[in-house]
């Protein structure tokens, strides 16, 4: 109880999907040998002050 569900517009979800796809394409062309870079790809991002996990779910 007490969970806050934030609406994320479809356009914003699509933008995040395109960013993930572009990162994957870049990584396939320019693979990094550094595991720290791969770890950043899984890092959450901030949208309108809300931390969002790569899967599109807000983090608590």
PDB file of N, CA and C in Angstrom:
ATOM      1  N   UNK A   1       0.834  -1.170   0.000  1.00  0.00           N
ATOM      2  CA  UNK A   1       0.000   0.000   0.000  1.00  0.00           C
ATOM      3  C   UNK A   1       0.889   1.248   0.000  1.00  0.00           C
ATOM      4  N   UNK A   2       0.373   2.332  -0.476  1.00  0.00           N
ATOM      5  CA  UNK A   2       1.149   3.550  -0.518  1.00  0.00           C
ATOM      6  C   UNK A   2       1.991   3.694  -1.766  1.00  0.00           C
ATOM      7  N   UNK A   3       1.845   2.772  -2.720  1.00  0.00           N
ATOM      8  CA  UNK A   3       2.599   2.878  -3.969  1.00  0.00           C
ATOM      9  C   UNK A   3       2.009   3.971  -4.844  1.00  0.00           C
ATOM     10  N   UNK A   4       2.884   4.692  -5.501  1.00  0.00           N
ATOM     11  CA  UNK A   4       2.454   5.725  -6.437  1.00  0.00           C
ATOM     12  C   UNK A   4       2.730   5.219  -7.847  1.00  0.00           C
ATOM     13  N   UNK A   5       1.711   5.240  -8.654  1.00  0.00           N
ATOM     14  CA  UNK A   5       1.864   4.822 -10.047  1.00  0.00           C
ATOM     15  C   UNK A   5       1.853   6.075 -10.904  1.00  0.00           C
ATOM     16  N   UNK A   6       2.915   6.242 -11.684  1.00  0.00           N
ATOM     17  CA  UNK A   6       3.018   7.432 -12.523  1.00  0.00           C
ATOM     18  C   UNK A   6       2.715   7.056 -13.966  1.00  0.00           C
ATOM     19  N   UNK A   7       1.901   7.854 -14.605  1.00  0.00           N
ATOM     20  CA  UNK A   7       1.582   7.650 -16.003  1.00  0.00           C
ATOM     21  C   UNK A   7       2.757   8.092 -16.856  1.00  0.00           C
ATOM     22  N   UNK A   8       3.202   7.208 -17.734  1.00  0.00           N
ATOM     23  CA  UNK A   8       4.256   7.545 -18.690  1.00  0.00           C
ATOM     24  C   UNK A   8       3.628   7.495 -20.072  1.00  0.00           C
ATOM     25  N   UNK A   9       3.584   8.636 -20.753  1.00  0.00           N
ATOM     26  CA  UNK A   9       2.938   8.681 -22.064  1.00  0.00           C
ATOM     27  C   UNK A   9       3.557   7.689 -23.053  1.00  0.00           C
ATOM     28  N   UNK A  10       2.744   7.253 -23.987  1.00  0.00           N
ATOM     29  CA  UNK A  10       3.189   6.294 -24.996  1.00  0.00           C
ATOM     30  C   UNK A  10       4.383   6.840 -25.776  1.00  0.00           C
ATOM     31  N   UNK A  11       4.365   8.133 -26.083  1.00  0.00           N
ATOM     32  CA  UNK A  11       5.472   8.742 -26.825  1.00  0.00           C
ATOM     33  C   UNK A  11       6.777   8.648 -26.040  1.00  0.00           C
ATOM     34  N   UNK A  12       6.708   8.814 -24.730  1.00  0.00           N
ATOM     35  CA  UNK A  12       7.903   8.728 -23.896  1.00  0.00           C
ATOM     36  C   UNK A  12       8.419   7.292 -23.844  1.00  0.00           C
ATOM     37  N   UNK A  13       7.509   6.325 -23.732  1.00  0.00           N
ATOM     38  CA  UNK A  13       7.920   4.913 -23.755  1.00  0.00           C
ATOM     39  C   UNK A  13       8.579   4.571 -25.089  1.00  0.00           C
ATOM     40  N   UNK A  14       8.027   5.088 -26.181  1.00  0.00           N
ATOM     41  CA  UNK A  14       8.605   4.841 -27.507  1.00  0.00           C
ATOM     42  C   UNK A  14       9.994   5.469 -27.609  1.00  0.00           C
ATOM     43  N   UNK A  15      10.149   6.671 -27.059  1.00  0.00           N
ATOM     44  CA  UNK A  15      11.453   7.332 -27.076  1.00  0.00           C
ATOM     45  C   UNK A  15      12.475   6.494 -26.319  1.00  0.00           C
ATOM     46  N   UNK A  16      12.089   5.968 -25.150  1.00  0.00           N
ATOM     47  CA  UNK A  16      12.996   5.120 -24.376  1.00  0.00           C
ATOM     48  C   UNK A  16      13.357   3.844 -25.130  1.00  0.00           C
ATOM     49  N   UNK A  17      12.369   3.260 -25.826  1.00  0.00           N
ATOM     50  CA  UNK A  17      12.628   2.051 -26.610  1.00  0.00           C
ATOM     51  C   UNK A  17      13.629   2.345 -27.716  1.00  0.00           C
ATOM     52  N   UNK A  18      13.465   3.484 -28.393  1.00  0.00           N
ATOM     53  CA  UNK A  18      14.374   3.852 -29.473  1.00  0.00           C
ATOM     54  C   UNK A  18      15.789   4.110 -28.952  1.00  0.00           C
ATOM     55  N   UNK A  19      15.892   4.702 -27.772  1.00  0.00           N
ATOM     56  CA  UNK A  19      17.207   4.935 -27.165  1.00  0.00           C
ATOM     57  C   UNK A  19      17.879   3.606 -26.864  1.00  0.00           C
ATOM     58  N   UNK A  20      17.122   2.654 -26.272  1.00  0.00           N
ATOM     59  CA  UNK A  20      17.696   1.324 -25.987  1.00  0.00           C
ATOM     60  C   UNK A  20      18.154   0.641 -27.267  1.00  0.00           C
ATOM     61  N   UNK A  21      17.327   0.738 -28.317  1.00  0.00           N
ATOM     62  CA  UNK A  21      17.674   0.110 -29.590  1.00  0.00           C
ATOM     63  C   UNK A  21      18.919   0.753 -30.201  1.00  0.00           C
ATOM     64  N   UNK A  22      19.009   2.080 -30.130  1.00  0.00           N
ATOM     65  CA  UNK A  22      20.184   2.775 -30.665  1.00  0.00           C
ATOM     66  C   UNK A  22      21.443   2.394 -29.898  1.00  0.00           C
ATOM     67  N   UNK A  23      21.337   2.286 -28.571  1.00  0.00           N
ATOM     68  CA  UNK A  23      22.492   1.877 -27.766  1.00  0.00           C
ATOM     69  C   UNK A  23      22.932   0.468 -28.139  1.00  0.00           C
ATOM     70  N   UNK A  24      21.967  -0.426 -28.345  1.00  0.00           N
ATOM     71  CA  UNK A  24      22.296  -1.802 -28.718  1.00  0.00           C
ATOM     72  C   UNK A  24      22.973  -1.839 -30.082  1.00  0.00           C
ATOM     73  N   UNK A  25      22.463  -1.052 -31.030  1.00  0.00           N
ATOM     74  CA  UNK A  25      23.084  -0.991 -32.358  1.00  0.00           C
ATOM     75  C   UNK A  25      24.501  -0.441 -32.274  1.00  0.00           C
ATOM     76  N   UNK A  26      24.696   0.615 -31.505  1.00  0.00           N
ATOM     77  CA  UNK A  26      26.021   1.202 -31.344  1.00  0.00           C
ATOM     78  C   UNK A  26      26.977   0.188 -30.732  1.00  0.00           C
ATOM     79  N   UNK A  27      26.496  -0.512 -29.702  1.00  0.00           N
ATOM     80  CA  UNK A  27      27.338  -1.507 -29.033  1.00  0.00           C
ATOM     81  C   UNK A  27      27.712  -2.648 -29.979  1.00  0.00           C
ATOM     82  N   UNK A  28      26.807  -2.998 -30.905  1.00  0.00           N
ATOM     83  CA  UNK A  28      27.130  -4.069 -31.841  1.00  0.00           C
ATOM     84  C   UNK A  28      28.180  -3.629 -32.857  1.00  0.00           C
ATOM     85  N   UNK A  29      28.220  -2.340 -33.180  1.00  0.00           N
ATOM     86  CA  UNK A  29      29.205  -1.823 -34.131  1.00  0.00           C
ATOM     87  C   UNK A  29      30.517  -1.497 -33.427  1.00  0.00           C
ATOM     88  N   UNK A  30      30.429  -0.905 -32.249  1.00  0.00           N
ATOM     89  CA  UNK A  30      31.604  -0.497 -31.482  1.00  0.00           C
ATOM     90  C   UNK A  30      31.579  -1.174 -30.116  1.00  0.00           C
ATOM     91  N   UNK A  31      31.858  -2.480 -30.073  1.00  0.00           N
ATOM     92  CA  UNK A  31      31.791  -3.183 -28.779  1.00  0.00           C
ATOM     93  C   UNK A  31      32.843  -2.641 -27.811  1.00  0.00           C
ATOM     94  N   UNK A  32      32.448  -2.531 -26.574  1.00  0.00           N
ATOM     95  CA  UNK A  32      33.386  -2.063 -25.555  1.00  0.00           C
ATOM     96  C   UNK A  32      33.917  -3.271 -24.794  1.00  0.00           C
ATOM     97  N   UNK A  33      35.184  -3.237 -24.500  1.00  0.00           N
ATOM     98  CA  UNK A  33      35.784  -4.298 -23.714  1.00  0.00           C
ATOM     99  C   UNK A  33      35.621  -4.024 -22.238  1.00  0.00           C
ATOM    100  N   UNK A  34      35.137  -2.839 -21.913  1.00  0.00           N
ATOM    101  CA  UNK A  34      35.007  -2.415 -20.524  1.00  0.00           C
ATOM    102  C   UNK A  34      33.645  -2.808 -19.968  1.00  0.00           C
ATOM    103  N   UNK A  35      33.631  -3.586 -18.909  1.00  0.00           N
ATOM    104  CA  UNK A  35      32.356  -4.029 -18.338  1.00  0.00           C
ATOM    105  C   UNK A  35      31.604  -2.875 -17.683  1.00  0.00           C
ATOM    106  N   UNK A  36      32.291  -1.802 -17.308  1.00  0.00           N
ATOM    107  CA  UNK A  36      31.618  -0.651 -16.698  1.00  0.00           C
ATOM    108  C   UNK A  36      30.665  -0.006 -17.694  1.00  0.00           C
ATOM    109  N   UNK A  37      31.031   0.033 -18.968  1.00  0.00           N
ATOM    110  CA  UNK A  37      30.141   0.604 -19.974  1.00  0.00           C
ATOM    111  C   UNK A  37      28.876  -0.228 -20.120  1.00  0.00           C
ATOM    112  N   UNK A  38      29.014  -1.531 -20.094  1.00  0.00           N
ATOM    113  CA  UNK A  38      27.833  -2.392 -20.187  1.00  0.00           C
ATOM    114  C   UNK A  38      26.938  -2.218 -18.974  1.00  0.00           C
ATOM    115  N   UNK A  39      27.559  -1.969 -17.824  1.00  0.00           N
ATOM    116  CA  UNK A  39      26.779  -1.775 -16.608  1.00  0.00           C
ATOM    117  C   UNK A  39      25.960  -0.489 -16.702  1.00  0.00           C
ATOM    118  N   UNK A  40      26.475   0.553 -17.355  1.00  0.00           N
ATOM    119  CA  UNK A  40      25.747   1.803 -17.515  1.00  0.00           C
ATOM    120  C   UNK A  40      24.505   1.627 -18.372  1.00  0.00           C
ATOM    121  N   UNK A  41      24.541   0.709 -19.343  1.00  0.00           N
ATOM    122  CA  UNK A  41      23.381   0.480 -20.190  1.00  0.00           C
ATOM    123  C   UNK A  41      22.186  -0.014 -19.387  1.00  0.00           C
ATOM    124  N   UNK A  42      22.431  -0.658 -18.270  1.00  0.00           N
ATOM    125  CA  UNK A  42      21.349  -1.172 -17.437  1.00  0.00           C
ATOM    126  C   UNK A  42      20.978  -0.212 -16.321  1.00  0.00           C
ATOM    127  N   UNK A  43      21.675   0.931 -16.261  1.00  0.00           N
ATOM    128  CA  UNK A  43      21.405   1.895 -15.203  1.00  0.00           C
ATOM    129  C   UNK A  43      20.062   2.574 -15.435  1.00  0.00           C
ATOM    130  N   UNK A  44      19.381   2.927 -14.352  1.00  0.00           N
ATOM    131  CA  UNK A  44      18.117   3.646 -14.508  1.00  0.00           C
ATOM    132  C   UNK A  44      18.355   5.043 -15.057  1.00  0.00           C
ATOM    133  N   UNK A  45      17.327   5.615 -15.654  1.00  0.00           N
ATOM    134  CA  UNK A  45      17.398   6.978 -16.158  1.00  0.00           C
ATOM    135  C   UNK A  45      16.311   7.793 -15.470  1.00  0.00           C
ATOM    136  N   UNK A  46      16.426   9.121 -15.540  1.00  0.00           N
ATOM    137  CA  UNK A  46      15.463   9.997 -14.878  1.00  0.00           C
ATOM    138  C   UNK A  46      14.585  10.673 -15.913  1.00  0.00           C
ATOM    139  N   UNK A  47      13.267  10.594 -15.709  1.00  0.00           N
ATOM    140  CA  UNK A  47      12.299  11.270 -16.567  1.00  0.00           C
ATOM    141  C   UNK A  47      11.381  12.069 -15.662  1.00  0.00           C
ATOM    142  N   UNK A  48      11.338  13.363 -15.875  1.00  0.00           N
ATOM    143  CA  UNK A  48      10.491  14.244 -15.063  1.00  0.00           C
ATOM    144  C   UNK A  48      10.689  14.006 -13.571  1.00  0.00           C
ATOM    145  N   UNK A  49      11.939  13.802 -13.164  1.00  0.00           N
ATOM    146  CA  UNK A  49      12.246  13.618 -11.752  1.00  0.00           C
ATOM    147  C   UNK A  49      11.973  12.228 -11.207  1.00  0.00           C
ATOM    148  N   UNK A  50      11.581  11.273 -12.056  1.00  0.00           N
ATOM    149  CA  UNK A  50      11.296   9.907 -11.619  1.00  0.00           C
ATOM    150  C   UNK A  50      12.341   8.966 -12.202  1.00  0.00           C
ATOM    151  N   UNK A  51      12.945   8.147 -11.343  1.00  0.00           N
ATOM    152  CA  UNK A  51      13.906   7.155 -11.803  1.00  0.00           C
ATOM    153  C   UNK A  51      13.146   6.046 -12.520  1.00  0.00           C
ATOM    154  N   UNK A  52      13.568   5.736 -13.742  1.00  0.00           N
ATOM    155  CA  UNK A  52      12.912   4.714 -14.546  1.00  0.00           C
ATOM    156  C   UNK A  52      13.921   3.614 -14.851  1.00  0.00           C
ATOM    157  N   UNK A  53      13.521   2.380 -14.594  1.00  0.00           N
ATOM    158  CA  UNK A  53      14.358   1.227 -14.929  1.00  0.00           C
ATOM    159  C   UNK A  53      14.262   0.989 -16.424  1.00  0.00           C
ATOM    160  N   UNK A  54      15.250   0.327 -17.023  1.00  0.00           N
ATOM    161  CA  UNK A  54      15.260   0.080 -18.468  1.00  0.00           C
ATOM    162  C   UNK A  54      13.990  -0.590 -18.957  1.00  0.00           C
ATOM    163  N   UNK A  55      13.348  -1.396 -18.142  1.00  0.00           N
ATOM    164  CA  UNK A  55      12.119  -2.049 -18.552  1.00  0.00           C
ATOM    165  C   UNK A  55      10.941  -1.096 -18.625  1.00  0.00           C
ATOM    166  N   UNK A  56      11.151   0.176 -18.223  1.00  0.00           N
ATOM    167  CA  UNK A  56      10.085   1.148 -18.275  1.00  0.00           C
ATOM    168  C   UNK A  56       9.297   1.273 -16.984  1.00  0.00           C
ATOM    169  N   UNK A  57       9.721   0.551 -15.939  1.00  0.00           N
ATOM    170  CA  UNK A  57       8.997   0.597 -14.683  1.00  0.00           C
ATOM    171  C   UNK A  57       9.673   1.604 -13.743  1.00  0.00           C
ATOM    172  N   UNK A  58       8.871   2.447 -13.076  1.00  0.00           N
ATOM    173  CA  UNK A  58       9.458   3.368 -12.092  1.00  0.00           C
ATOM    174  C   UNK A  58      10.090   2.583 -10.945  1.00  0.00           C
ATOM    175  N   UNK A  59      11.196   3.092 -10.458  1.00  0.00           N
ATOM    176  CA  UNK A  59      11.865   2.458  -9.317  1.00  0.00           C
ATOM    177  C   UNK A  59      11.346   3.063  -8.035  1.00  0.00           C
ATOM    178  N   UNK A  60      11.258   2.254  -6.997  1.00  0.00           N
ATOM    179  CA  UNK A  60      10.771   2.743  -5.687  1.00  0.00           C
ATOM    180  C   UNK A  60      11.852   3.505  -4.992  1.00  0.00           C
TER     181      UNK A  60
END
